[in-house]
Amino acid sequence: MASLYSMRFAASGQQFGLIYIGNGVIAGADTTGITYDGTYVLEDSRFKGTAAMVQPQANQGYGGGGGTLTFDWPEDLQDGQHPASLGERTVTIVLRKLRDVP
């Protein structure tokens, strides 16, 4: 099922945004201007995938920058904290489901 989530990086007071997860796609944007564009597969009841984080040149001095976000989350994605990797770093992303999207 496709859903829209609010998201924020737990360690950053700057990155808040919206993320769509559904139909093999993850896409969104945050308040620092970073866009998220990626794909996932559902394997063993888990969302496994990657999303490119692209920060516009004009916003390079603000926020956390770009990179590749890698995630392995349960299919029954609950509100709360979810670990992910950003390059070599482990990050925590806080998700809150806003609604299902048909």
Protein backbone atom coordinates (compact mmCIF):
# COMPACT_ATOMS: atom_id res chain seq x y z
CA MET A 1 0.00 0.00 0.00
CA ALA A 2 1.22 3.49 -0.82
CA SER A 3 1.41 6.06 1.99
CA LEU A 4 2.54 9.61 2.68
CA TYR A 5 4.69 10.23 5.77
CA SER A 6 6.09 13.23 7.56
CA MET A 7 9.77 12.66 8.26
CA ARG A 8 12.69 14.16 10.07
CA PHE A 9 16.24 13.16 10.80
CA ALA A 10 16.36 12.54 14.57
CA ALA A 11 19.86 14.03 15.00
CA SER A 12 19.16 17.12 12.93
CA GLY A 13 16.97 20.02 13.91
CA GLN A 14 16.87 21.14 10.29
CA GLN A 15 15.60 18.32 8.08
CA PHE A 16 11.82 17.98 8.16
CA GLY A 17 9.84 16.89 5.13
CA LEU A 18 7.36 14.62 3.41
CA ILE A 19 8.09 11.17 1.99
CA TYR A 20 5.91 9.01 -0.26
CA ILE A 21 6.48 5.25 0.00
CA GLY A 22 4.55 3.03 -2.37
CA ASN A 23 4.53 1.00 -5.57
CA GLY A 24 8.30 0.46 -5.36
CA VAL A 25 9.01 4.20 -5.17
CA ILE A 26 10.26 6.47 -2.41
CA ALA A 27 10.08 10.20 -3.19
CA GLY A 28 9.93 13.41 -1.23
CA ALA A 29 11.52 16.67 -0.18
CA ASP A 30 12.52 18.42 3.03
CA THR A 31 12.79 21.96 4.33
CA THR A 32 16.48 22.26 3.44
CA GLY A 33 15.66 21.78 -0.26
CA ILE A 34 16.90 18.20 -0.44
CA THR A 35 14.85 15.91 -2.67
CA TYR A 36 14.61 12.17 -2.13
CA ASP A 37 14.28 9.88 -5.14
CA GLY A 38 14.64 6.14 -4.94
CA THR A 39 13.23 2.67 -5.18
CA TYR A 40 12.64 -0.30 -2.93
CA VAL A 41 11.64 -3.93 -3.11
CA LEU A 42 9.45 -5.81 -0.68
CA GLU A 43 11.47 -8.82 0.43
CA ASP A 44 10.83 -11.07 3.44
CA SER A 45 8.15 -8.60 4.68
CA ARG A 46 10.66 -5.73 4.61
CA PHE A 47 11.08 -2.58 2.52
CA LYS A 48 14.68 -2.70 1.25
CA GLY A 49 15.96 0.11 -0.92
CA THR A 50 17.90 3.28 -1.55
CA ALA A 51 17.07 6.91 -2.19
CA ALA A 52 19.35 9.56 -3.66
CA MET A 53 19.38 12.73 -1.59
CA VAL A 54 20.03 15.69 -3.87
CA GLN A 55 20.59 19.19 -2.51
CA PRO A 56 20.25 22.12 -4.94
CA GLN A 57 23.44 24.09 -5.54
CA ALA A 58 21.81 27.23 -4.12
CA ASN A 59 21.26 25.50 -0.76
CA GLN A 60 24.70 23.89 -0.37
CA GLY A 61 25.48 25.85 2.81
CA TYR A 62 22.26 24.83 4.56
CA GLY A 63 21.25 21.45 5.93
CA GLY A 64 22.89 18.08 5.81
CA GLY A 65 23.88 17.86 2.16
CA GLY A 66 23.23 15.02 -0.22
CA GLY A 67 24.17 11.39 -0.44
CA THR A 68 22.53 8.00 -0.71
CA LEU A 69 20.12 6.83 1.94
CA THR A 70 19.86 3.04 2.35
CA PHE A 71 17.03 1.52 4.35
CA ASP A 72 15.66 -1.86 5.49
CA TRP A 73 12.34 -1.26 7.24
CA PRO A 74 9.48 -3.57 8.22
CA GLU A 75 6.55 -3.84 5.81
CA ASP A 76 4.23 -2.85 8.67
CA LEU A 77 5.93 0.55 8.95
CA GLN A 78 4.81 2.07 12.25
CA ASP A 79 5.14 5.67 13.43
CA GLY A 80 8.43 6.20 15.21
CA GLN A 81 12.17 5.93 14.73
CA HIS A 82 13.69 3.88 11.92
CA PRO A 83 17.41 3.30 11.30
CA ALA A 84 18.95 3.96 7.90
CA SER A 85 22.43 4.44 6.46
CA LEU A 86 23.65 7.64 4.89
CA GLY A 87 26.94 6.68 3.31
CA GLU A 88 28.97 5.19 6.15
CA ARG A 89 26.88 6.83 8.89
CA THR A 90 23.90 5.32 10.63
CA VAL A 91 21.05 7.81 10.93
CA THR A 92 17.64 7.67 12.56
CA ILE A 93 14.61 8.82 10.64
CA VAL A 94 11.39 9.59 12.48
CA LEU A 95 8.31 8.77 10.40
CA ARG A 96 4.65 9.56 11.05
CA LYS A 97 2.05 8.23 8.64
CA LEU A 98 -0.23 10.97 7.37
CA ARG A 99 -2.47 8.88 5.12
CA ASP A 100 -2.70 6.05 2.66
CA VAL A 101 -2.55 7.11 -0.99
CA PRO A 102 -4.66 5.20 -3.53
